PDB file of N, CA and C in Angstrom:
ATOM      1  N   MET A   1      78.581  89.609  71.633  1.00  0.00           N
ATOM      2  CA  MET A   1      79.106  90.153  72.854  1.00  0.00           C
ATOM      3  C   MET A   1      78.671  89.350  74.099  1.00  0.00           C
ATOM      4  N   PRO A   2      79.589  88.874  74.930  1.00  0.00           N
ATOM      5  CA  PRO A   2      79.111  88.173  75.944  1.00  0.00           C
ATOM      6  C   PRO A   2      78.411  89.055  77.025  1.00  0.00           C
ATOM      7  N   ASN A   3      77.428  88.509  77.791  1.00  0.00           N
ATOM      8  CA  ASN A   3      76.839  89.259  78.891  1.00  0.00           C
ATOM      9  C   ASN A   3      77.760  89.192  80.034  1.00  0.00           C
ATOM     10  N   ILE A   4      77.973  90.414  80.556  1.00  0.00           N
ATOM     11  CA  ILE A   4      79.108  90.811  81.592  1.00  0.00           C
ATOM     12  C   ILE A   4      78.470  91.466  82.698  1.00  0.00           C
ATOM     13  N   ASP A   5      78.772  90.772  84.019  1.00  0.00           N
ATOM     14  CA  ASP A   5      78.426  91.190  85.075  1.00  0.00           C
ATOM     15  C   ASP A   5      79.128  92.444  85.643  1.00  0.00           C
ATOM     16  N   GLU A   6      78.886  93.195  86.677  1.00  0.00           N
ATOM     17  CA  GLU A   6      79.510  94.421  86.987  1.00  0.00           C
ATOM     18  C   GLU A   6      81.018  94.094  87.414  1.00  0.00           C
ATOM     19  N   THR A   7      81.308  93.074  88.124  1.00  0.00           N
ATOM     20  CA  THR A   7      82.698  92.744  88.405  1.00  0.00           C
ATOM     21  C   THR A   7      83.576  92.548  87.152  1.00  0.00           C
ATOM     22  N   LYS A   8      83.134  91.764  86.224  1.00  0.00           N
ATOM     23  CA  LYS A   8      83.887  91.483  85.035  1.00  0.00           C
ATOM     24  C   LYS A   8      83.962  92.683  84.188  1.00  0.00           C
ATOM     25  N   PHE A   9      82.877  93.578  84.253  1.00  0.00           N
ATOM     26  CA  PHE A   9      82.811  94.690  83.399  1.00  0.00           C
ATOM     27  C   PHE A   9      84.040  95.648  83.922  1.00  0.00           C
ATOM     28  N   ASP A  10      84.094  95.869  85.208  1.00  0.00           N
ATOM     29  CA  ASP A  10      85.270  96.766  85.614  1.00  0.00           C
ATOM     30  C   ASP A  10      86.636  96.217  85.101  1.00  0.00           C
ATOM     31  N   ILE A  11      86.872  94.913  85.024  1.00  0.00           N
ATOM     32  CA  ILE A  11      88.066  94.317  84.449  1.00  0.00           C
ATOM     33  C   ILE A  11      88.049  94.801  82.917  1.00  0.00           C
ATOM     34  N   LEU A  12      87.128  94.473  82.257  1.00  0.00           N
ATOM     35  CA  LEU A  12      87.013  94.693  80.855  1.00  0.00           C
ATOM     36  C   LEU A  12      87.269  96.311  80.438  1.00  0.00           C
ATOM     37  N   TYR A  13      86.701  97.195  81.395  1.00  0.00           N
ATOM     38  CA  TYR A  13      86.870  98.503  81.292  1.00  0.00           C
ATOM     39  C   TYR A  13      88.465  98.935  81.291  1.00  0.00           C
ATOM     40  N   GLU A  14      89.047  98.434  82.421  1.00  0.00           N
ATOM     41  CA  GLU A  14      90.459  98.645  82.637  1.00  0.00           C
ATOM     42  C   GLU A  14      91.359  98.076  81.403  1.00  0.00           C
ATOM     43  N   ASN A  15      90.984  97.019  81.059  1.00  0.00           N
ATOM     44  CA  ASN A  15      91.789  96.497  79.878  1.00  0.00           C
ATOM     45  C   ASN A  15      91.416  97.280  78.472  1.00  0.00           C
ATOM     46  N   TRP A  16      90.199  97.827  78.397  1.00  0.00           N
ATOM     47  CA  TRP A  16      89.870  98.641  77.155  1.00  0.00           C
ATOM     48  C   TRP A  16      90.736  99.895  77.361  1.00  0.00           C
ATOM     49  N   LEU A  17      90.879 100.477  78.511  1.00  0.00           N
ATOM     50  CA  LEU A  17      91.795 101.794  78.520  1.00  0.00           C
ATOM     51  C   LEU A  17      93.126 101.481  78.115  1.00  0.00           C
ATOM     52  N   LYS A  18      93.701 100.325  78.628  1.00  0.00           N
ATOM     53  CA  LYS A  18      95.058 100.008  78.158  1.00  0.00           C
ATOM     54  C   LYS A  18      95.199  99.779  76.853  1.00  0.00           C
ATOM     55  N   VAL A  19      94.372  98.934  76.200  1.00  0.00           N
ATOM     56  CA  VAL A  19      94.523  98.556  74.758  1.00  0.00           C
ATOM     57  C   VAL A  19      94.210  99.908  73.780  1.00  0.00           C
ATOM     58  N   SER A  20      93.079 100.643  74.235  1.00  0.00           N
ATOM     59  CA  SER A  20      92.778 101.664  73.252  1.00  0.00           C
ATOM     60  C   SER A  20      93.619 102.937  73.509  1.00  0.00           C
ATOM     61  N   GLN A  21      94.313 102.903  74.707  1.00  0.00           N
ATOM     62  CA  GLN A  21      95.053 104.133  75.105  1.00  0.00           C
ATOM     63  C   GLN A  21      94.209 105.397  75.122  1.00  0.00           C
ATOM     64  N   ARG A  22      92.969 105.080  75.617  1.00  0.00           N
ATOM     65  CA  ARG A  22      92.176 106.377  75.889  1.00  0.00           C
ATOM     66  C   ARG A  22      92.127 106.749  77.298  1.00  0.00           C
ATOM     67  N   GLU A  23      91.587 107.955  77.615  1.00  0.00           N
ATOM     68  CA  GLU A  23      91.550 108.385  79.008  1.00  0.00           C
ATOM     69  C   GLU A  23      90.386 107.844  79.694  1.00  0.00           C
ATOM     70  N   ASN A  24      90.534 107.694  80.964  1.00  0.00           N
ATOM     71  CA  ASN A  24      89.528 107.320  81.891  1.00  0.00           C
ATOM     72  C   ASN A  24      88.551 108.374  82.073  1.00  0.00           C
ATOM     73  N   THR A  25      87.444 108.432  81.338  1.00  0.00           N
ATOM     74  CA  THR A  25      86.423 109.508  81.363  1.00  0.00           C
ATOM     75  C   THR A  25      85.020 108.852  81.533  1.00  0.00           C
ATOM     76  N   MET A  26      84.103 109.840  81.781  1.00  0.00           N
ATOM     77  CA  MET A  26      82.820 109.256  81.891  1.00  0.00           C
ATOM     78  C   MET A  26      82.267 108.875  80.553  1.00  0.00           C
ATOM     79  N   ASP A  27      82.682 109.501  79.447  1.00  0.00           N
ATOM     80  CA  ASP A  27      82.285 109.264  78.035  1.00  0.00           C
ATOM     81  C   ASP A  27      82.783 107.908  77.754  1.00  0.00           C
ATOM     82  N   GLU A  28      83.992 107.431  78.033  1.00  0.00           N
ATOM     83  CA  GLU A  28      84.482 106.168  77.734  1.00  0.00           C
ATOM     84  C   GLU A  28      83.695 105.041  78.530  1.00  0.00           C
ATOM     85  N   TYR A  29      83.498 105.367  79.823  1.00  0.00           N
ATOM     86  CA  TYR A  29      82.762 104.435  80.707  1.00  0.00           C
ATOM     87  C   TYR A  29      81.241 104.234  80.198  1.00  0.00           C
ATOM     88  N   GLY A  30      80.642 105.390  79.830  1.00  0.00           N
ATOM     89  CA  GLY A  30      79.378 105.514  79.414  1.00  0.00           C
ATOM     90  C   GLY A  30      79.011 104.616  78.107  1.00  0.00           C
ATOM     91  N   GLN A  31      80.047 104.681  77.209  1.00  0.00           N
ATOM     92  CA  GLN A  31      79.993 103.914  75.933  1.00  0.00           C
ATOM     93  C   GLN A  31      80.021 102.601  76.088  1.00  0.00           C
ATOM     94  N   LEU A  32      80.865 101.946  77.001  1.00  0.00           N
ATOM     95  CA  LEU A  32      80.949 100.523  77.359  1.00  0.00           C
ATOM     96  C   LEU A  32      79.718 100.108  77.983  1.00  0.00           C
ATOM     97  N   ILE A  33      79.229 100.959  78.991  1.00  0.00           N
ATOM     98  CA  ILE A  33      77.963 100.629  79.756  1.00  0.00           C
ATOM     99  C   ILE A  33      76.857 100.478  78.742  1.00  0.00           C
ATOM    100  N   PHE A  34      76.693 101.283  77.763  1.00  0.00           N
ATOM    101  CA  PHE A  34      75.727 101.375  76.788  1.00  0.00           C
ATOM    102  C   PHE A  34      75.850  99.928  76.070  1.00  0.00           C
ATOM    103  N   LEU A  35      77.034  99.640  75.525  1.00  0.00           N
ATOM    104  CA  LEU A  35      77.145  98.329  74.822  1.00  0.00           C
ATOM    105  C   LEU A  35      76.811  97.070  75.653  1.00  0.00           C
ATOM    106  N   ARG A  36      77.265  97.140  76.970  1.00  0.00           N
ATOM    107  CA  ARG A  36      76.910  96.041  77.936  1.00  0.00           C
ATOM    108  C   ARG A  36      75.432  95.857  78.124  1.00  0.00           C
ATOM    109  N   ASP A  37      74.823  97.010  78.203  1.00  0.00           N
ATOM    110  CA  ASP A  37      73.352  96.975  78.455  1.00  0.00           C
ATOM    111  C   ASP A  37      72.491  96.469  77.213  1.00  0.00           C
ATOM    112  N   LEU A  38      73.000  96.651  76.179  1.00  0.00           N
ATOM    113  CA  LEU A  38      72.340  96.159  74.955  1.00  0.00           C
ATOM    114  C   LEU A  38      72.767  94.791  74.423  1.00  0.00           C
ATOM    115  N   SER A  39      73.741  94.209  75.148  1.00  0.00           N
ATOM    116  CA  SER A  39      74.241  92.950  74.690  1.00  0.00           C
ATOM    117  C   SER A  39      73.185  91.864  74.647  1.00  0.00           C
ATOM    118  N   ASP A  40      72.291  91.778  75.708  1.00  0.00           N
ATOM    119  CA  ASP A  40      71.310  90.688  75.645  1.00  0.00           C
ATOM    120  C   ASP A  40      70.471  90.951  74.457  1.00  0.00           C
ATOM    121  N   ARG A  41      69.904  92.095  74.003  1.00  0.00           N
ATOM    122  CA  ARG A  41      69.081  92.367  72.847  1.00  0.00           C
ATOM    123  C   ARG A  41      69.878  91.981  71.535  1.00  0.00           C
ATOM    124  N   TRP A  42      71.110  92.478  71.479  1.00  0.00           N
ATOM    125  CA  TRP A  42      71.920  92.174  70.292  1.00  0.00           C
ATOM    126  C   TRP A  42      72.225  90.752  70.111  1.00  0.00           C
ATOM    127  N   ASN A  43      72.546  89.965  71.191  1.00  0.00           N
ATOM    128  CA  ASN A  43      72.759  88.590  70.900  1.00  0.00           C
ATOM    129  C   ASN A  43      71.631  87.794  70.443  1.00  0.00           C
ATOM    130  N   THR A  44      70.652  88.196  70.310  1.00  0.00           N
ATOM    131  CA  THR A  44      69.352  87.620  69.830  1.00  0.00           C
ATOM    132  C   THR A  44      69.127  87.933  68.193  1.00  0.00           C
ATOM    133  N   LYS A  45      69.735  88.954  67.772  1.00  0.00           N
ATOM    134  CA  LYS A  45      69.620  89.502  66.552  1.00  0.00           C
ATOM    135  C   LYS A  45      70.256  88.462  65.394  1.00  0.00           C
ATOM    136  N   LYS A  46      69.772  88.448  64.206  1.00  0.00           N
ATOM    137  CA  LYS A  46      70.272  87.487  63.156  1.00  0.00           C
ATOM    138  C   LYS A  46      71.627  88.309  62.572  1.00  0.00           C
ATOM    139  N   ARG A  47      71.573  89.558  62.434  1.00  0.00           N
ATOM    140  CA  ARG A  47      72.693  90.332  61.925  1.00  0.00           C
ATOM    141  C   ARG A  47      73.220  91.300  62.816  1.00  0.00           C
ATOM    142  N   ARG A  48      74.511  91.656  62.738  1.00  0.00           N
ATOM    143  CA  ARG A  48      75.103  92.731  63.440  1.00  0.00           C
ATOM    144  C   ARG A  48      76.104  93.380  62.538  1.00  0.00           C
ATOM    145  N   TYR A  49      76.138  94.686  62.637  1.00  0.00           N
ATOM    146  CA  TYR A  49      77.007  95.545  61.922  1.00  0.00           C
ATOM    147  C   TYR A  49      78.031  96.155  62.808  1.00  0.00           C
ATOM    148  N   ILE A  50      79.316  96.062  62.318  1.00  0.00           N
ATOM    149  CA  ILE A  50      80.380  96.634  63.233  1.00  0.00           C
ATOM    150  C   ILE A  50      81.208  97.628  62.520  1.00  0.00           C
ATOM    151  N   ILE A  51      81.300  98.803  63.031  1.00  0.00           N
ATOM    152  CA  ILE A  51      82.115 100.057  62.485  1.00  0.00           C
ATOM    153  C   ILE A  51      83.216 100.143  63.302  1.00  0.00           C
ATOM    154  N   GLU A  52      84.398 100.173  62.468  1.00  0.00           N
ATOM    155  CA  GLU A  52      85.582 100.292  63.227  1.00  0.00           C
ATOM    156  C   GLU A  52      86.148 101.679  62.855  1.00  0.00           C
ATOM    157  N   GLU A  53      86.648 102.430  63.864  1.00  0.00           N
ATOM    158  CA  GLU A  53      87.168 103.836  63.734  1.00  0.00           C
ATOM    159  C   GLU A  53      88.680 103.564  63.571  1.00  0.00           C
ATOM    160  N   SER A  54      88.982 104.372  62.517  1.00  0.00           N
ATOM    161  CA  SER A  54      90.476 104.253  62.239  1.00  0.00           C
ATOM    162  C   SER A  54      91.198 105.593  62.267  1.00  0.00           C
ATOM    163  N   ALA A  55      92.350 105.709  62.618  1.00  0.00           N
ATOM    164  CA  ALA A  55      93.084 106.983  62.889  1.00  0.00           C
ATOM    165  C   ALA A  55      93.424 107.745  61.593  1.00  0.00           C
TER     166      ALA A  55
END
């Protein structure tokens, strides 16, 4: 995940809402903030596991 500054994060968040068709809530915003804040640490790891939610 690329490191994202606050300005680019707001754009990413708006796009995320459109693509995912989710509501603009603090839960959604908080989940992406969590991922953004951990991206520096995760980018140095040898392995990453991605879990996809399906309907």
